[in-house]
Every structure is written in C-alpha cells, then in structure tokens.
Amino acid sequence: MAVNWEKYDEQIDLKGLQKDVEEASENSGEYPEIPPGEYEVSLKSLELGKTKENPRAMVKAQFQIVDGEFKNSYIFMNQLVVEGWQIKRMNGFLKSLDTTVGIDFESYAQYAQMLLDIAEEIDGKFEYLLEYGQTKKGFPTFAIKEVFELE
C-alpha cells in the first residue's frame, strides 16, 4: 500500500521544518558536547539493553537538561551490568533517584522490569541535579546531588 505523502505534508509544519534544516546546516547539525559539571535534568528513559558487539547487559539512561546554556541537550548514561561491582554501582545510582521501587538484582528479566517501574514512577514527577564528570581514564561519571519533586 502506498503512503499518501501529500496528506502527510498537510499535517506537518513544513516551513518550520525547512527552517530547522537550514539552521542545522548552518550549525553543522552536530549536538554540543556537554562538559563535566552539574546540570538540572529530567529522566527521559531508563532501560536494560545490550551492547552492540559481543552482546552484554547494559543499563541505558537518557537525561534531558532542563535549564541553562545546554537546555534541551541530552546526557547519555550507559553502564554495563555484567559483574557484581557494576550492578552494585548501578544499584547505588538507582537508589539515589529516590523512588519507592525496591532496588535489587535477582535476574536480568526482573532487573529490566525494575528499571521500567523506576522510570514510570519518575515520569513527570521528579527532576534532578546531576553531577556529570569523568574519571582519570576519561570514563563518564554520574551522581545525583539533589532531587526536585515537581508540583
């Protein structure tokens, strides 16, 4: 079945989209690199996924910056959870999100559901002061410094 693109065009702000394309061309279309620092963020997604090569379990989180110079930019957190110390580190981070969801690891299926439950509880109710940093070896670090309950 063919798609009726004319009808689709009627539903889209084409002039606005064309302007966005032009601005992206002028700005090279690249996302800004977020330097280490503290950012007020909202959690946009939290899930258990796999690495692309040699598939291993990894927690994937996306934070959107809600204020300041980098407003609307994203910070991505990808943490392997295949060894005990990695799961312990992730559990500590998850506890800092201050939800009522019990944080523990029993199985990957359970962990995946727990992450979805956490994301659902947070959605639209909390924002965070996230300290985004780097280790001496250049790996990103993430720490929740403050929790803001939204009205």
N, C-alpha and C. Protein backbone atom coordinates (compact mmCIF):
# COMPACT_ATOMS: atom_id res chain seq x y z
N MET A 1 0.85 -1.18 0.00
CA MET A 1 0.00 0.00 0.00
C MET A 1 0.89 1.24 0.00
N ALA A 2 0.61 2.16 -0.86
CA ALA A 2 1.40 3.39 -0.99
C ALA A 2 0.99 4.40 0.08
N VAL A 3 1.96 5.16 0.52
CA VAL A 3 1.71 6.21 1.51
C VAL A 3 1.30 7.48 0.77
N ASN A 4 0.29 8.14 1.27
CA ASN A 4 -0.16 9.41 0.69
C ASN A 4 0.66 10.53 1.35
N TRP A 5 1.78 10.89 0.72
CA TRP A 5 2.68 11.87 1.30
C TRP A 5 2.10 13.28 1.27
N GLU A 6 1.23 13.57 0.32
CA GLU A 6 0.60 14.89 0.30
C GLU A 6 -0.24 15.10 1.56
N LYS A 7 -0.97 14.08 1.94
CA LYS A 7 -1.79 14.16 3.15
C LYS A 7 -0.89 14.30 4.38
N TYR A 8 0.21 13.58 4.38
CA TYR A 8 1.18 13.67 5.47
C TYR A 8 1.74 15.09 5.57
N ASP A 9 2.09 15.68 4.40
CA ASP A 9 2.62 17.04 4.36
C ASP A 9 1.66 18.04 4.99
N GLU A 10 0.36 17.82 4.81
CA GLU A 10 -0.65 18.73 5.36
C GLU A 10 -0.63 18.74 6.89
N GLN A 11 -0.17 17.68 7.49
CA GLN A 11 -0.17 17.56 8.95
C GLN A 11 1.12 18.09 9.58
N ILE A 12 2.09 18.46 8.78
CA ILE A 12 3.40 18.87 9.25
C ILE A 12 3.60 20.37 9.01
N ASP A 13 4.30 21.02 9.93
CA ASP A 13 4.70 22.42 9.74
C ASP A 13 5.93 22.42 8.84
N LEU A 14 5.70 22.39 7.53
CA LEU A 14 6.81 22.27 6.58
C LEU A 14 7.74 23.49 6.60
N LYS A 15 7.18 24.69 6.75
CA LYS A 15 8.02 25.89 6.80
C LYS A 15 8.93 25.83 8.03
N GLY A 16 8.38 25.43 9.16
CA GLY A 16 9.18 25.29 10.37
C GLY A 16 10.25 24.22 10.22
N LEU A 17 9.89 23.12 9.60
CA LEU A 17 10.85 22.03 9.39
C LEU A 17 11.96 22.47 8.44
N GLN A 18 11.60 23.20 7.38
CA GLN A 18 12.61 23.71 6.45
C GLN A 18 13.57 24.67 7.16
N LYS A 19 13.02 25.50 8.07
CA LYS A 19 13.86 26.42 8.84
C LYS A 19 14.81 25.63 9.74
N ASP A 20 14.31 24.56 10.38
CA ASP A 20 15.15 23.72 11.22
C ASP A 20 16.29 23.10 10.43
N VAL A 21 15.99 22.65 9.21
CA VAL A 21 17.02 22.05 8.35
C VAL A 21 18.08 23.10 8.01
N GLU A 22 17.63 24.31 7.70
CA GLU A 22 18.57 25.39 7.37
C GLU A 22 19.46 25.72 8.57
N GLU A 23 18.86 25.83 9.76
CA GLU A 23 19.65 26.13 10.97
C GLU A 23 20.63 25.01 11.26
N ALA A 24 20.21 23.77 11.08
CA ALA A 24 21.10 22.63 11.32
C ALA A 24 22.27 22.67 10.35
N SER A 25 22.01 23.08 9.11
CA SER A 25 23.08 23.17 8.11
C SER A 25 24.08 24.24 8.51
N GLU A 26 23.59 25.36 9.02
CA GLU A 26 24.46 26.46 9.44
C GLU A 26 25.27 26.08 10.67
N ASN A 27 24.70 25.25 11.53
CA ASN A 27 25.37 24.87 12.77
C ASN A 27 26.03 23.51 12.67
N SER A 28 26.23 23.01 11.49
CA SER A 28 26.82 21.70 11.18
C SER A 28 25.93 20.55 11.64
N GLY A 29 24.81 20.83 12.29
CA GLY A 29 23.88 19.79 12.67
C GLY A 29 24.37 18.89 13.79
N GLU A 30 25.49 19.22 14.39
CA GLU A 30 26.03 18.37 15.44
C GLU A 30 25.50 18.81 16.80
N TYR A 31 25.42 17.85 17.68
CA TYR A 31 25.00 18.14 19.04
C TYR A 31 26.18 18.70 19.81
N PRO A 32 25.93 19.63 20.73
CA PRO A 32 27.05 20.16 21.50
C PRO A 32 27.60 19.10 22.45
N GLU A 33 28.89 19.14 22.66
CA GLU A 33 29.50 18.24 23.64
C GLU A 33 29.25 18.84 25.02
N ILE A 34 28.69 18.05 25.90
CA ILE A 34 28.35 18.53 27.24
C ILE A 34 29.58 18.38 28.13
N PRO A 35 30.11 19.49 28.64
CA PRO A 35 31.29 19.39 29.50
C PRO A 35 30.91 18.89 30.90
N PRO A 36 31.87 18.36 31.64
CA PRO A 36 31.58 17.96 33.02
C PRO A 36 31.02 19.15 33.80
N GLY A 37 30.10 18.86 34.71
CA GLY A 37 29.50 19.91 35.52
C GLY A 37 28.22 19.41 36.15
N GLU A 38 27.51 20.33 36.80
CA GLU A 38 26.23 20.00 37.41
C GLU A 38 25.12 20.55 36.52
N TYR A 39 24.11 19.70 36.28
CA TYR A 39 23.01 20.06 35.39
C TYR A 39 21.69 19.64 36.01
N GLU A 40 20.69 20.52 35.88
CA GLU A 40 19.33 20.15 36.28
C GLU A 40 18.74 19.36 35.11
N VAL A 41 18.31 18.14 35.41
CA VAL A 41 17.88 17.23 34.34
C VAL A 41 16.56 16.56 34.67
N SER A 42 15.91 16.08 33.62
CA SER A 42 14.78 15.17 33.77
C SER A 42 15.19 13.85 33.15
N LEU A 43 14.70 12.76 33.71
CA LEU A 43 14.99 11.44 33.17
C LEU A 43 14.02 11.16 32.04
N LYS A 44 14.53 10.92 30.85
CA LYS A 44 13.69 10.68 29.69
C LYS A 44 13.51 9.20 29.39
N SER A 45 14.51 8.39 29.71
CA SER A 45 14.36 6.94 29.51
C SER A 45 15.34 6.20 30.41
N LEU A 46 14.93 5.01 30.78
CA LEU A 46 15.74 4.13 31.62
C LEU A 46 15.36 2.71 31.27
N GLU A 47 16.33 1.95 30.75
CA GLU A 47 16.01 0.60 30.31
C GLU A 47 17.25 -0.29 30.35
N LEU A 48 17.00 -1.58 30.33
CA LEU A 48 18.07 -2.55 30.21
C LEU A 48 18.18 -2.92 28.74
N GLY A 49 19.37 -2.78 28.21
CA GLY A 49 19.62 -3.11 26.81
C GLY A 49 20.86 -3.98 26.70
N LYS A 50 21.35 -4.08 25.49
CA LYS A 50 22.56 -4.86 25.23
C LYS A 50 23.56 -4.01 24.47
N THR A 51 24.84 -4.32 24.65
CA THR A 51 25.86 -3.68 23.84
C THR A 51 25.75 -4.20 22.42
N LYS A 52 26.24 -3.43 21.46
CA LYS A 52 26.13 -3.84 20.05
C LYS A 52 27.01 -5.03 19.73
N GLU A 53 28.27 -4.95 20.11
CA GLU A 53 29.20 -6.04 19.84
C GLU A 53 29.31 -6.91 21.08
N ASN A 54 29.44 -8.21 20.85
CA ASN A 54 29.57 -9.14 21.97
C ASN A 54 28.49 -8.84 23.01
N PRO A 55 27.22 -9.03 22.66
CA PRO A 55 26.10 -8.54 23.48
C PRO A 55 26.23 -8.85 24.98
N ARG A 56 26.25 -7.75 25.74
CA ARG A 56 26.28 -7.83 27.20
C ARG A 56 25.24 -6.86 27.74
N ALA A 57 24.72 -7.18 28.92
CA ALA A 57 23.67 -6.36 29.53
C ALA A 57 24.22 -4.99 29.92
N MET A 58 23.41 -3.96 29.62
CA MET A 58 23.81 -2.59 29.90
C MET A 58 22.58 -1.75 30.24
N VAL A 59 22.67 -1.00 31.32
CA VAL A 59 21.61 -0.04 31.65
C VAL A 59 21.84 1.20 30.81
N LYS A 60 20.77 1.65 30.14
CA LYS A 60 20.83 2.83 29.29
C LYS A 60 19.87 3.87 29.86
N ALA A 61 20.39 5.06 30.10
CA ALA A 61 19.55 6.15 30.61
C ALA A 61 19.80 7.39 29.77
N GLN A 62 18.74 8.16 29.56
CA GLN A 62 18.85 9.45 28.87
C GLN A 62 18.31 10.53 29.80
N PHE A 63 19.13 11.55 30.00
CA PHE A 63 18.73 12.71 30.80
C PHE A 63 18.67 13.92 29.89
N GLN A 64 17.60 14.70 30.01
CA GLN A 64 17.49 15.94 29.25
C GLN A 64 17.76 17.11 30.19
N ILE A 65 18.67 17.98 29.78
CA ILE A 65 18.99 19.17 30.57
C ILE A 65 17.82 20.14 30.44
N VAL A 66 17.33 20.63 31.59
CA VAL A 66 16.11 21.45 31.58
C VAL A 66 16.37 22.94 31.78
N ASP A 67 17.64 23.32 32.01
CA ASP A 67 17.92 24.72 32.28
C ASP A 67 19.35 25.05 31.88
N GLY A 68 19.61 26.32 31.62
CA GLY A 68 20.97 26.77 31.38
C GLY A 68 21.39 26.73 29.92
N GLU A 69 22.68 26.91 29.70
CA GLU A 69 23.26 27.01 28.36
C GLU A 69 22.97 25.79 27.49
N PHE A 70 22.91 24.61 28.10
CA PHE A 70 22.72 23.38 27.34
C PHE A 70 21.28 22.85 27.43
N LYS A 71 20.34 23.75 27.74
CA LYS A 71 18.93 23.36 27.85
C LYS A 71 18.50 22.57 26.62
N ASN A 72 17.76 21.49 26.87
CA ASN A 72 17.23 20.56 25.86
C ASN A 72 18.27 19.61 25.28
N SER A 73 19.54 19.74 25.67
CA SER A 73 20.55 18.77 25.26
C SER A 73 20.42 17.52 26.13
N TYR A 74 20.98 16.43 25.65
CA TYR A 74 20.88 15.16 26.36
C TYR A 74 22.23 14.70 26.88
N ILE A 75 22.17 14.04 28.02
CA ILE A 75 23.32 13.33 28.58
C ILE A 75 22.94 11.86 28.60
N PHE A 76 23.81 11.04 28.04
CA PHE A 76 23.53 9.61 27.93
C PHE A 76 24.39 8.84 28.92
N MET A 77 23.76 7.93 29.63
CA MET A 77 24.46 7.08 30.58
C MET A 77 24.32 5.64 30.11
N ASN A 78 25.44 4.97 29.93
CA ASN A 78 25.46 3.56 29.54
C ASN A 78 26.38 2.83 30.51
N GLN A 79 25.82 1.93 31.31
CA GLN A 79 26.60 1.23 32.33
C GLN A 79 26.42 -0.28 32.17
N LEU A 80 27.53 -0.96 31.91
CA LEU A 80 27.48 -2.42 31.88
C LEU A 80 27.02 -2.94 33.24
N VAL A 81 26.25 -4.01 33.23
CA VAL A 81 25.81 -4.65 34.48
C VAL A 81 26.00 -6.17 34.31
N VAL A 82 27.25 -6.57 34.15
CA VAL A 82 27.56 -7.99 33.96
C VAL A 82 28.42 -8.55 35.08
N GLU A 83 28.98 -7.69 35.90
CA GLU A 83 29.78 -8.12 37.05
C GLU A 83 29.17 -7.54 38.31
N GLY A 84 29.44 -8.20 39.42
CA GLY A 84 28.85 -7.78 40.69
C GLY A 84 29.10 -6.32 41.03
N TRP A 85 30.33 -5.85 40.85
CA TRP A 85 30.64 -4.46 41.21
C TRP A 85 29.89 -3.47 40.32
N GLN A 86 29.63 -3.85 39.06
CA GLN A 86 28.90 -2.97 38.15
C GLN A 86 27.43 -2.86 38.57
N ILE A 87 26.86 -3.99 38.96
CA ILE A 87 25.46 -3.99 39.42
C ILE A 87 25.35 -3.21 40.72
N LYS A 88 26.32 -3.39 41.62
CA LYS A 88 26.33 -2.65 42.89
C LYS A 88 26.39 -1.15 42.63
N ARG A 89 27.26 -0.73 41.71
CA ARG A 89 27.38 0.69 41.37
C ARG A 89 26.06 1.23 40.80
N MET A 90 25.46 0.46 39.90
CA MET A 90 24.19 0.90 39.29
C MET A 90 23.09 0.95 40.34
N ASN A 91 23.04 -0.05 41.23
CA ASN A 91 22.02 -0.04 42.28
C ASN A 91 22.15 1.21 43.15
N GLY A 92 23.37 1.60 43.46
CA GLY A 92 23.58 2.82 44.24
C GLY A 92 23.04 4.04 43.52
N PHE A 93 23.30 4.12 42.23
CA PHE A 93 22.79 5.24 41.44
C PHE A 93 21.27 5.23 41.42
N LEU A 94 20.68 4.05 41.19
CA LEU A 94 19.22 3.94 41.13
C LEU A 94 18.57 4.34 42.45
N LYS A 95 19.19 3.97 43.56
CA LYS A 95 18.66 4.37 44.88
C LYS A 95 18.68 5.88 45.03
N SER A 96 19.69 6.54 44.45
CA SER A 96 19.79 8.00 44.58
C SER A 96 18.68 8.73 43.83
N LEU A 97 17.95 8.02 42.96
CA LEU A 97 16.82 8.64 42.25
C LEU A 97 15.61 8.82 43.16
N ASP A 98 15.67 8.22 44.35
CA ASP A 98 14.70 8.46 45.42
C ASP A 98 13.27 8.04 45.05
N THR A 99 13.13 6.85 44.49
CA THR A 99 11.80 6.32 44.21
C THR A 99 11.42 5.32 45.30
N THR A 100 10.18 4.87 45.27
CA THR A 100 9.73 3.86 46.24
C THR A 100 9.97 2.44 45.74
N VAL A 101 10.51 2.30 44.53
CA VAL A 101 10.77 0.98 43.96
C VAL A 101 11.94 0.34 44.69
N GLY A 102 11.76 -0.91 45.10
CA GLY A 102 12.85 -1.64 45.74
C GLY A 102 13.95 -1.93 44.73
N ILE A 103 15.19 -1.61 45.10
CA ILE A 103 16.33 -1.78 44.20
C ILE A 103 17.10 -3.03 44.60
N ASP A 104 17.05 -4.04 43.74
CA ASP A 104 17.83 -5.25 43.96
C ASP A 104 17.98 -6.00 42.64
N PHE A 105 18.90 -6.94 42.62
CA PHE A 105 19.12 -7.75 41.42
C PHE A 105 18.85 -9.20 41.75
N GLU A 106 17.89 -9.79 41.02
CA GLU A 106 17.60 -11.22 41.14
C GLU A 106 17.88 -11.92 39.81
N SER A 107 17.48 -11.27 38.73
CA SER A 107 17.69 -11.80 37.38
C SER A 107 17.64 -10.62 36.42
N TYR A 108 18.08 -10.84 35.19
CA TYR A 108 18.02 -9.74 34.22
C TYR A 108 16.59 -9.39 33.85
N ALA A 109 15.72 -10.38 33.79
CA ALA A 109 14.31 -10.11 33.50
C ALA A 109 13.70 -9.23 34.59
N GLN A 110 13.98 -9.59 35.85
CA GLN A 110 13.49 -8.80 36.98
C GLN A 110 14.09 -7.39 36.96
N TYR A 111 15.39 -7.29 36.65
CA TYR A 111 16.09 -6.00 36.64
C TYR A 111 15.50 -5.09 35.55
N ALA A 112 15.22 -5.67 34.38
CA ALA A 112 14.62 -4.90 33.29
C ALA A 112 13.27 -4.33 33.72
N GLN A 113 12.45 -5.14 34.37
CA GLN A 113 11.13 -4.68 34.83
C GLN A 113 11.29 -3.61 35.91
N MET A 114 12.26 -3.79 36.81
CA MET A 114 12.51 -2.82 37.87
C MET A 114 12.87 -1.46 37.26
N LEU A 115 13.71 -1.46 36.23
CA LEU A 115 14.09 -0.20 35.59
C LEU A 115 12.87 0.49 34.98
N LEU A 116 12.01 -0.28 34.34
CA LEU A 116 10.78 0.30 33.78
C LEU A 116 9.88 0.86 34.88
N ASP A 117 9.79 0.16 36.01
CA ASP A 117 8.99 0.64 37.13
C ASP A 117 9.54 1.96 37.68
N ILE A 118 10.86 2.05 37.78
CA ILE A 118 11.50 3.28 38.25
C ILE A 118 11.19 4.43 37.30
N ALA A 119 11.37 4.20 36.00
CA ALA A 119 11.11 5.25 35.01
C ALA A 119 9.66 5.71 35.06
N GLU A 120 8.75 4.76 35.23
CA GLU A 120 7.32 5.10 35.30
C GLU A 120 7.02 5.95 36.53
N GLU A 121 7.62 5.61 37.66
CA GLU A 121 7.38 6.38 38.88
C GLU A 121 7.95 7.80 38.78
N ILE A 122 9.06 7.95 38.10
CA ILE A 122 9.73 9.25 37.97
C ILE A 122 9.02 10.16 36.98
N ASP A 123 8.47 9.60 35.93
CA ASP A 123 7.94 10.34 34.78
C ASP A 123 7.07 11.53 35.17
N GLY A 124 7.58 12.73 34.91
CA GLY A 124 6.84 13.96 35.16
C GLY A 124 6.72 14.35 36.62
N LYS A 125 7.34 13.59 37.52
CA LYS A 125 7.20 13.87 38.95
C LYS A 125 8.48 14.37 39.60
N PHE A 126 9.63 14.05 38.99
CA PHE A 126 10.91 14.41 39.59
C PHE A 126 11.87 14.98 38.54
N GLU A 127 12.72 15.89 39.00
CA GLU A 127 13.90 16.32 38.26
C GLU A 127 15.07 16.20 39.22
N TYR A 128 16.27 16.28 38.66
CA TYR A 128 17.46 16.00 39.46
C TYR A 128 18.57 16.99 39.15
N LEU A 129 19.42 17.22 40.15
CA LEU A 129 20.68 17.91 39.93
C LEU A 129 21.70 16.80 39.73
N LEU A 130 22.17 16.68 38.50
CA LEU A 130 23.08 15.60 38.11
C LEU A 130 24.49 16.15 38.01
N GLU A 131 25.41 15.52 38.73
CA GLU A 131 26.83 15.85 38.57
C GLU A 131 27.39 14.90 37.52
N TYR A 132 27.79 15.48 36.41
CA TYR A 132 28.32 14.73 35.28
C TYR A 132 29.81 14.98 35.24
N GLY A 133 30.60 13.92 35.38
CA GLY A 133 32.04 14.10 35.44
C GLY A 133 32.79 13.06 34.63
N GLN A 134 34.08 12.93 34.92
CA GLN A 134 34.93 11.97 34.23
C GLN A 134 35.95 11.40 35.20
N THR A 135 36.26 10.12 34.98
CA THR A 135 37.35 9.51 35.74
C THR A 135 38.68 9.97 35.14
N LYS A 136 39.77 9.62 35.79
CA LYS A 136 41.10 9.96 35.26
C LYS A 136 41.34 9.30 33.91
N LYS A 137 40.65 8.20 33.66
CA LYS A 137 40.82 7.49 32.38
C LYS A 137 39.83 7.99 31.32
N GLY A 138 39.02 8.98 31.66
CA GLY A 138 38.11 9.57 30.69
C GLY A 138 36.73 8.96 30.62
N PHE A 139 36.41 8.02 31.52
CA PHE A 139 35.08 7.42 31.53
C PHE A 139 34.11 8.37 32.23
N PRO A 140 32.88 8.47 31.73
CA PRO A 140 31.91 9.38 32.35
C PRO A 140 31.46 8.88 33.73
N THR A 141 31.18 9.83 34.61
CA THR A 141 30.63 9.52 35.93
C THR A 141 29.33 10.29 36.11
N PHE A 142 28.46 9.73 36.94
CA PHE A 142 27.13 10.30 37.15
C PHE A 142 26.80 10.21 38.64
N ALA A 143 26.36 11.32 39.22
CA ALA A 143 25.93 11.31 40.62
C ALA A 143 24.75 12.27 40.79
N ILE A 144 23.72 11.79 41.45
CA ILE A 144 22.57 12.65 41.76
C ILE A 144 22.90 13.42 43.03
N LYS A 145 22.88 14.75 42.93
CA LYS A 145 23.21 15.61 44.06
C LYS A 145 21.97 16.12 44.78
N GLU A 146 20.87 16.23 44.04
CA GLU A 146 19.64 16.75 44.64
C GLU A 146 18.45 16.23 43.85
N VAL A 147 17.35 16.01 44.56
CA VAL A 147 16.11 15.54 43.94
C VAL A 147 15.08 16.67 44.07
N PHE A 148 14.42 16.99 42.96
CA PHE A 148 13.39 18.03 42.96
C PHE A 148 12.05 17.38 42.64
N GLU A 149 11.12 17.48 43.57
CA GLU A 149 9.78 16.95 43.33
C GLU A 149 8.97 18.02 42.61
N LEU A 150 8.40 17.66 41.47
CA LEU A 150 7.64 18.62 40.68
C LEU A 150 6.22 18.73 41.20
N GLU A 151 5.64 19.90 41.06
CA GLU A 151 4.27 20.16 41.52
C GLU A 151 3.27 19.60 40.55
